[in-house]
Amino acid sequence: MEGSYLLTGVNRGFRALRWYAQGVLGADAYQKYLQHMARVHPDQVPMDERAFWRDLYAWQARNPQGRCC
């Protein structure tokens, strides 16, 4: 019984770490974009994921900001 509690805790910790890492690395940017579009612009068709990343990288190239790398 204690083993299952430990496994549940480890799983919960892993999910939290994964969520945090995706947020820090920006891997969840497309999901956030989709949520924003559904909430603020429900009448518009959102970009597909490939177009989203292409647009984001182009915007970053046009608007350089301080980055670690």
PDB file of N, CA and C in Angstrom:
ATOM      1  N   MET A   1       0.828  -1.189   0.000  1.00  0.00           N
ATOM      2  CA  MET A   1       0.000   0.000   0.000  1.00  0.00           C
ATOM      3  C   MET A   1       0.873   1.255   0.000  1.00  0.00           C
ATOM      4  N   GLU A   2       1.930   1.263   0.808  1.00  0.00           N
ATOM      5  CA  GLU A   2       2.809   2.431   0.848  1.00  0.00           C
ATOM      6  C   GLU A   2       3.501   2.648  -0.487  1.00  0.00           C
ATOM      7  N   GLY A   3       3.793   1.575  -1.197  1.00  0.00           N
ATOM      8  CA  GLY A   3       4.441   1.689  -2.497  1.00  0.00           C
ATOM      9  C   GLY A   3       3.592   2.447  -3.495  1.00  0.00           C
ATOM     10  N   SER A   4       2.280   2.233  -3.431  1.00  0.00           N
ATOM     11  CA  SER A   4       1.406   2.941  -4.375  1.00  0.00           C
ATOM     12  C   SER A   4       1.359   4.439  -4.058  1.00  0.00           C
ATOM     13  N   TYR A   5       1.414   4.789  -2.764  1.00  0.00           N
ATOM     14  CA  TYR A   5       1.461   6.212  -2.394  1.00  0.00           C
ATOM     15  C   TYR A   5       2.746   6.850  -2.884  1.00  0.00           C
ATOM     16  N   LEU A   6       3.830   6.117  -2.761  1.00  0.00           N
ATOM     17  CA  LEU A   6       5.122   6.619  -3.222  1.00  0.00           C
ATOM     18  C   LEU A   6       5.107   6.811  -4.732  1.00  0.00           C
ATOM     19  N   LEU A   7       4.567   5.820  -5.449  1.00  0.00           N
ATOM     20  CA  LEU A   7       4.498   5.917  -6.900  1.00  0.00           C
ATOM     21  C   LEU A   7       3.609   7.078  -7.336  1.00  0.00           C
ATOM     22  N   THR A   8       2.508   7.288  -6.640  1.00  0.00           N
ATOM     23  CA  THR A   8       1.620   8.409  -6.938  1.00  0.00           C
ATOM     24  C   THR A   8       2.348   9.731  -6.731  1.00  0.00           C
ATOM     25  N   GLY A   9       3.103   9.833  -5.652  1.00  0.00           N
ATOM     26  CA  GLY A   9       3.866  11.053  -5.383  1.00  0.00           C
ATOM     27  C   GLY A   9       4.938  11.303  -6.427  1.00  0.00           C
ATOM     28  N   VAL A  10       5.613  10.242  -6.846  1.00  0.00           N
ATOM     29  CA  VAL A  10       6.653  10.368  -7.869  1.00  0.00           C
ATOM     30  C   VAL A  10       6.022  10.809  -9.190  1.00  0.00           C
ATOM     31  N   ASN A  11       4.897  10.203  -9.545  1.00  0.00           N
ATOM     32  CA  ASN A  11       4.205  10.594 -10.777  1.00  0.00           C
ATOM     33  C   ASN A  11       3.775  12.050 -10.734  1.00  0.00           C
ATOM     34  N   ARG A  12       3.223  12.468  -9.612  1.00  0.00           N
ATOM     35  CA  ARG A  12       2.785  13.857  -9.466  1.00  0.00           C
ATOM     36  C   ARG A  12       3.982  14.805  -9.583  1.00  0.00           C
ATOM     37  N   GLY A  13       5.088  14.445  -8.963  1.00  0.00           N
ATOM     38  CA  GLY A  13       6.292  15.268  -9.043  1.00  0.00           C
ATOM     39  C   GLY A  13       6.835  15.348 -10.461  1.00  0.00           C
ATOM     40  N   PHE A  14       6.808  14.226 -11.165  1.00  0.00           N
ATOM     41  CA  PHE A  14       7.284  14.213 -12.546  1.00  0.00           C
ATOM     42  C   PHE A  14       6.407  15.098 -13.426  1.00  0.00           C
ATOM     43  N   ARG A  15       5.084  15.020 -13.265  1.00  0.00           N
ATOM     44  CA  ARG A  15       4.180  15.853 -14.060  1.00  0.00           C
ATOM     45  C   ARG A  15       4.410  17.334 -13.775  1.00  0.00           C
ATOM     46  N   ALA A  16       4.633  17.667 -12.507  1.00  0.00           N
ATOM     47  CA  ALA A  16       4.885  19.066 -12.146  1.00  0.00           C
ATOM     48  C   ALA A  16       6.193  19.554 -12.763  1.00  0.00           C
ATOM     49  N   LEU A  17       7.216  18.734 -12.720  1.00  0.00           N
ATOM     50  CA  LEU A  17       8.511  19.089 -13.301  1.00  0.00           C
ATOM     51  C   LEU A  17       8.391  19.255 -14.817  1.00  0.00           C
ATOM     52  N   ARG A  18       7.649  18.368 -15.458  1.00  0.00           N
ATOM     53  CA  ARG A  18       7.443  18.451 -16.903  1.00  0.00           C
ATOM     54  C   ARG A  18       6.686  19.734 -17.263  1.00  0.00           C
ATOM     55  N   TRP A  19       5.638  20.044 -16.504  1.00  0.00           N
ATOM     56  CA  TRP A  19       4.860  21.267 -16.735  1.00  0.00           C
ATOM     57  C   TRP A  19       5.750  22.499 -16.601  1.00  0.00           C
ATOM     58  N   TYR A  20       6.583  22.530 -15.561  1.00  0.00           N
ATOM     59  CA  TYR A  20       7.474  23.658 -15.321  1.00  0.00           C
ATOM     60  C   TYR A  20       8.496  23.795 -16.451  1.00  0.00           C
ATOM     61  N   ALA A  21       9.101  22.689 -16.850  1.00  0.00           N
ATOM     62  CA  ALA A  21      10.120  22.726 -17.899  1.00  0.00           C
ATOM     63  C   ALA A  21       9.524  23.194 -19.220  1.00  0.00           C
ATOM     64  N   GLN A  22       8.330  22.734 -19.548  1.00  0.00           N
ATOM     65  CA  GLN A  22       7.698  23.166 -20.792  1.00  0.00           C
ATOM     66  C   GLN A  22       7.414  24.659 -20.757  1.00  0.00           C
ATOM     67  N   GLY A  23       7.011  25.169 -19.610  1.00  0.00           N
ATOM     68  CA  GLY A  23       6.753  26.595 -19.484  1.00  0.00           C
ATOM     69  C   GLY A  23       8.011  27.417 -19.623  1.00  0.00           C
ATOM     70  N   VAL A  24       9.080  26.974 -18.996  1.00  0.00           N
ATOM     71  CA  VAL A  24      10.348  27.708 -19.062  1.00  0.00           C
ATOM     72  C   VAL A  24      10.917  27.682 -20.471  1.00  0.00           C
ATOM     73  N   LEU A  25      10.826  26.549 -21.136  1.00  0.00           N
ATOM     74  CA  LEU A  25      11.387  26.412 -22.475  1.00  0.00           C
ATOM     75  C   LEU A  25      10.471  26.956 -23.568  1.00  0.00           C
ATOM     76  N   GLY A  26       9.238  27.256 -23.233  1.00  0.00           N
ATOM     77  CA  GLY A  26       8.308  27.798 -24.215  1.00  0.00           C
ATOM     78  C   GLY A  26       7.624  26.743 -25.062  1.00  0.00           C
ATOM     79  N   ALA A  27       7.743  25.481 -24.684  1.00  0.00           N
ATOM     80  CA  ALA A  27       7.136  24.406 -25.464  1.00  0.00           C
ATOM     81  C   ALA A  27       5.616  24.464 -25.433  1.00  0.00           C
ATOM     82  N   ASP A  28       5.060  25.156 -24.457  1.00  0.00           N
ATOM     83  CA  ASP A  28       3.607  25.244 -24.355  1.00  0.00           C
ATOM     84  C   ASP A  28       3.046  26.499 -25.032  1.00  0.00           C
ATOM     85  N   ALA A  29       3.881  27.203 -25.784  1.00  0.00           N
ATOM     86  CA  ALA A  29       3.457  28.465 -26.406  1.00  0.00           C
ATOM     87  C   ALA A  29       2.307  28.258 -27.383  1.00  0.00           C
ATOM     88  N   TYR A  30       2.335  27.180 -28.162  1.00  0.00           N
ATOM     89  CA  TYR A  30       1.264  26.963 -29.131  1.00  0.00           C
ATOM     90  C   TYR A  30      -0.059  26.675 -28.420  1.00  0.00           C
ATOM     91  N   GLN A  31      -0.016  25.904 -27.342  1.00  0.00           N
ATOM     92  CA  GLN A  31      -1.239  25.628 -26.588  1.00  0.00           C
ATOM     93  C   GLN A  31      -1.798  26.915 -25.983  1.00  0.00           C
ATOM     94  N   LYS A  32      -0.931  27.759 -25.482  1.00  0.00           N
ATOM     95  CA  LYS A  32      -1.372  29.048 -24.934  1.00  0.00           C
ATOM     96  C   LYS A  32      -1.979  29.911 -26.040  1.00  0.00           C
ATOM     97  N   TYR A  33      -1.378  29.869 -27.211  1.00  0.00           N
ATOM     98  CA  TYR A  33      -1.905  30.620 -28.358  1.00  0.00           C
ATOM     99  C   TYR A  33      -3.311  30.131 -28.719  1.00  0.00           C
ATOM    100  N   LEU A  34      -3.496  28.814 -28.764  1.00  0.00           N
ATOM    101  CA  LEU A  34      -4.814  28.261 -29.081  1.00  0.00           C
ATOM    102  C   LEU A  34      -5.855  28.666 -28.043  1.00  0.00           C
ATOM    103  N   GLN A  35      -5.463  28.638 -26.777  1.00  0.00           N
ATOM    104  CA  GLN A  35      -6.383  29.053 -25.713  1.00  0.00           C
ATOM    105  C   GLN A  35      -6.740  30.532 -25.866  1.00  0.00           C
ATOM    106  N   HIS A  36      -5.747  31.348 -26.168  1.00  0.00           N
ATOM    107  CA  HIS A  36      -5.973  32.778 -26.368  1.00  0.00           C
ATOM    108  C   HIS A  36      -6.927  33.010 -27.540  1.00  0.00           C
ATOM    109  N   MET A  37      -6.682  32.331 -28.647  1.00  0.00           N
ATOM    110  CA  MET A  37      -7.527  32.503 -29.827  1.00  0.00           C
ATOM    111  C   MET A  37      -8.966  32.088 -29.541  1.00  0.00           C
ATOM    112  N   ALA A  38      -9.147  30.992 -28.828  1.00  0.00           N
ATOM    113  CA  ALA A  38     -10.499  30.522 -28.510  1.00  0.00           C
ATOM    114  C   ALA A  38     -11.218  31.505 -27.588  1.00  0.00           C
ATOM    115  N   ARG A  39     -10.478  32.104 -26.678  1.00  0.00           N
ATOM    116  CA  ARG A  39     -11.070  33.009 -25.692  1.00  0.00           C
ATOM    117  C   ARG A  39     -11.316  34.409 -26.264  1.00  0.00           C
ATOM    118  N   VAL A  40     -10.336  34.956 -26.982  1.00  0.00           N
ATOM    119  CA  VAL A  40     -10.384  36.350 -27.403  1.00  0.00           C
ATOM    120  C   VAL A  40     -10.861  36.524 -28.850  1.00  0.00           C
ATOM    121  N   HIS A  41     -10.542  35.573 -29.703  1.00  0.00           N
ATOM    122  CA  HIS A  41     -10.888  35.678 -31.130  1.00  0.00           C
ATOM    123  C   HIS A  41     -11.600  34.402 -31.602  1.00  0.00           C
ATOM    124  N   PRO A  42     -12.735  34.067 -31.019  1.00  0.00           N
ATOM    125  CA  PRO A  42     -13.394  32.798 -31.375  1.00  0.00           C
ATOM    126  C   PRO A  42     -13.876  32.747 -32.825  1.00  0.00           C
ATOM    127  N   ASP A  43     -13.999  33.904 -33.466  1.00  0.00           N
ATOM    128  CA  ASP A  43     -14.482  33.950 -34.848  1.00  0.00           C
ATOM    129  C   ASP A  43     -13.366  33.746 -35.871  1.00  0.00           C
ATOM    130  N   GLN A  44     -12.101  33.724 -35.425  1.00  0.00           N
ATOM    131  CA  GLN A  44     -10.972  33.572 -36.341  1.00  0.00           C
ATOM    132  C   GLN A  44     -10.416  32.149 -36.268  1.00  0.00           C
ATOM    133  N   VAL A  45      -9.914  31.691 -37.405  1.00  0.00           N
ATOM    134  CA  VAL A  45      -9.281  30.374 -37.459  1.00  0.00           C
ATOM    135  C   VAL A  45      -7.821  30.535 -37.029  1.00  0.00           C
ATOM    136  N   PRO A  46      -7.386  29.796 -36.010  1.00  0.00           N
ATOM    137  CA  PRO A  46      -5.986  29.935 -35.573  1.00  0.00           C
ATOM    138  C   PRO A  46      -5.016  29.316 -36.585  1.00  0.00           C
ATOM    139  N   MET A  47      -3.773  29.791 -36.535  1.00  0.00           N
ATOM    140  CA  MET A  47      -2.733  29.223 -37.388  1.00  0.00           C
ATOM    141  C   MET A  47      -2.496  27.776 -37.003  1.00  0.00           C
ATOM    142  N   ASP A  48      -2.041  26.978 -37.961  1.00  0.00           N
ATOM    143  CA  ASP A  48      -1.636  25.629 -37.587  1.00  0.00           C
ATOM    144  C   ASP A  48      -0.299  25.726 -36.846  1.00  0.00           C
ATOM    145  N   GLU A  49       0.116  24.644 -36.241  1.00  0.00           N
ATOM    146  CA  GLU A  49       1.299  24.707 -35.364  1.00  0.00           C
ATOM    147  C   GLU A  49       2.559  25.108 -36.119  1.00  0.00           C
ATOM    148  N   ARG A  50       2.725  24.601 -37.308  1.00  0.00           N
ATOM    149  CA  ARG A  50       3.927  24.927 -38.080  1.00  0.00           C
ATOM    150  C   ARG A  50       3.977  26.422 -38.407  1.00  0.00           C
ATOM    151  N   ALA A  51       2.849  26.974 -38.826  1.00  0.00           N
ATOM    152  CA  ALA A  51       2.791  28.401 -39.141  1.00  0.00           C
ATOM    153  C   ALA A  51       2.998  29.242 -37.884  1.00  0.00           C
ATOM    154  N   PHE A  52       2.467  28.773 -36.754  1.00  0.00           N
ATOM    155  CA  PHE A  52       2.659  29.495 -35.499  1.00  0.00           C
ATOM    156  C   PHE A  52       4.130  29.621 -35.155  1.00  0.00           C
ATOM    157  N   TRP A  53       4.873  28.509 -35.195  1.00  0.00           N
ATOM    158  CA  TRP A  53       6.296  28.558 -34.829  1.00  0.00           C
ATOM    159  C   TRP A  53       7.083  29.398 -35.821  1.00  0.00           C
ATOM    160  N   ARG A  54       6.755  29.299 -37.107  1.00  0.00           N
ATOM    161  CA  ARG A  54       7.440  30.107 -38.115  1.00  0.00           C
ATOM    162  C   ARG A  54       7.216  31.594 -37.839  1.00  0.00           C
ATOM    163  N   ASP A  55       5.972  31.966 -37.532  1.00  0.00           N
ATOM    164  CA  ASP A  55       5.638  33.354 -37.232  1.00  0.00           C
ATOM    165  C   ASP A  55       6.327  33.832 -35.952  1.00  0.00           C
ATOM    166  N   LEU A  56       6.346  32.986 -34.939  1.00  0.00           N
ATOM    167  CA  LEU A  56       6.992  33.351 -33.674  1.00  0.00           C
ATOM    168  C   LEU A  56       8.486  33.590 -33.863  1.00  0.00           C
ATOM    169  N   TYR A  57       9.150  32.693 -34.588  1.00  0.00           N
ATOM    170  CA  TYR A  57      10.594  32.854 -34.806  1.00  0.00           C
ATOM    171  C   TYR A  57      10.886  34.075 -35.665  1.00  0.00           C
ATOM    172  N   ALA A  58      10.034  34.365 -36.633  1.00  0.00           N
ATOM    173  CA  ALA A  58      10.218  35.561 -37.458  1.00  0.00           C
ATOM    174  C   ALA A  58      10.048  36.814 -36.603  1.00  0.00           C
ATOM    175  N   TRP A  59       9.056  36.808 -35.706  1.00  0.00           N
ATOM    176  CA  TRP A  59       8.849  37.952 -34.811  1.00  0.00           C
ATOM    177  C   TRP A  59      10.065  38.145 -33.913  1.00  0.00           C
ATOM    178  N   GLN A  60      10.615  37.036 -33.391  1.00  0.00           N
ATOM    179  CA  GLN A  60      11.786  37.136 -32.520  1.00  0.00           C
ATOM    180  C   GLN A  60      12.993  37.669 -33.278  1.00  0.00           C
ATOM    181  N   ALA A  61      13.121  37.315 -34.539  1.00  0.00           N
ATOM    182  CA  ALA A  61      14.244  37.815 -35.345  1.00  0.00           C
ATOM    183  C   ALA A  61      14.099  39.319 -35.599  1.00  0.00           C
ATOM    184  N   ARG A  62      12.860  39.787 -35.778  1.00  0.00           N
ATOM    185  CA  ARG A  62      12.617  41.208 -36.008  1.00  0.00           C
ATOM    186  C   ARG A  62      12.710  42.028 -34.726  1.00  0.00           C
ATOM    187  N   ASN A  63      12.486  41.400 -33.598  1.00  0.00           N
ATOM    188  CA  ASN A  63      12.451  42.088 -32.300  1.00  0.00           C
ATOM    189  C   ASN A  63      13.397  41.408 -31.311  1.00  0.00           C
ATOM    190  N   PRO A  64      14.696  41.562 -31.518  1.00  0.00           N
ATOM    191  CA  PRO A  64      15.652  40.882 -30.620  1.00  0.00           C
ATOM    192  C   PRO A  64      15.506  41.407 -29.180  1.00  0.00           C
ATOM    193  N   GLN A  65      15.548  40.476 -28.263  1.00  0.00           N
ATOM    194  CA  GLN A  65      15.461  40.802 -26.848  1.00  0.00           C
ATOM    195  C   GLN A  65      16.613  40.123 -26.127  1.00  0.00           C
ATOM    196  N   GLY A  66      16.847  40.549 -24.919  1.00  0.00           N
ATOM    197  CA  GLY A  66      17.898  39.916 -24.145  1.00  0.00           C
ATOM    198  C   GLY A  66      17.559  38.453 -23.873  1.00  0.00           C
ATOM    199  N   ARG A  67      18.447  37.568 -24.247  1.00  0.00           N
ATOM    200  CA  ARG A  67      18.273  36.127 -24.020  1.00  0.00           C
ATOM    201  C   ARG A  67      19.558  35.572 -23.452  1.00  0.00           C
ATOM    202  N   CYS A  68      19.442  34.430 -22.849  1.00  0.00           N
ATOM    203  CA  CYS A  68      20.637  33.822 -22.260  1.00  0.00           C
ATOM    204  C   CYS A  68      21.551  33.241 -23.334  1.00  0.00           C
ATOM    205  N   CYS A  69      20.991  32.856 -24.489  1.00  0.00           N
ATOM    206  CA  CYS A  69      21.787  32.188 -25.512  1.00  0.00           C
ATOM    207  C   CYS A  69      21.672  32.868 -26.848  1.00  0.00           C
TER     208      CYS A  69
END
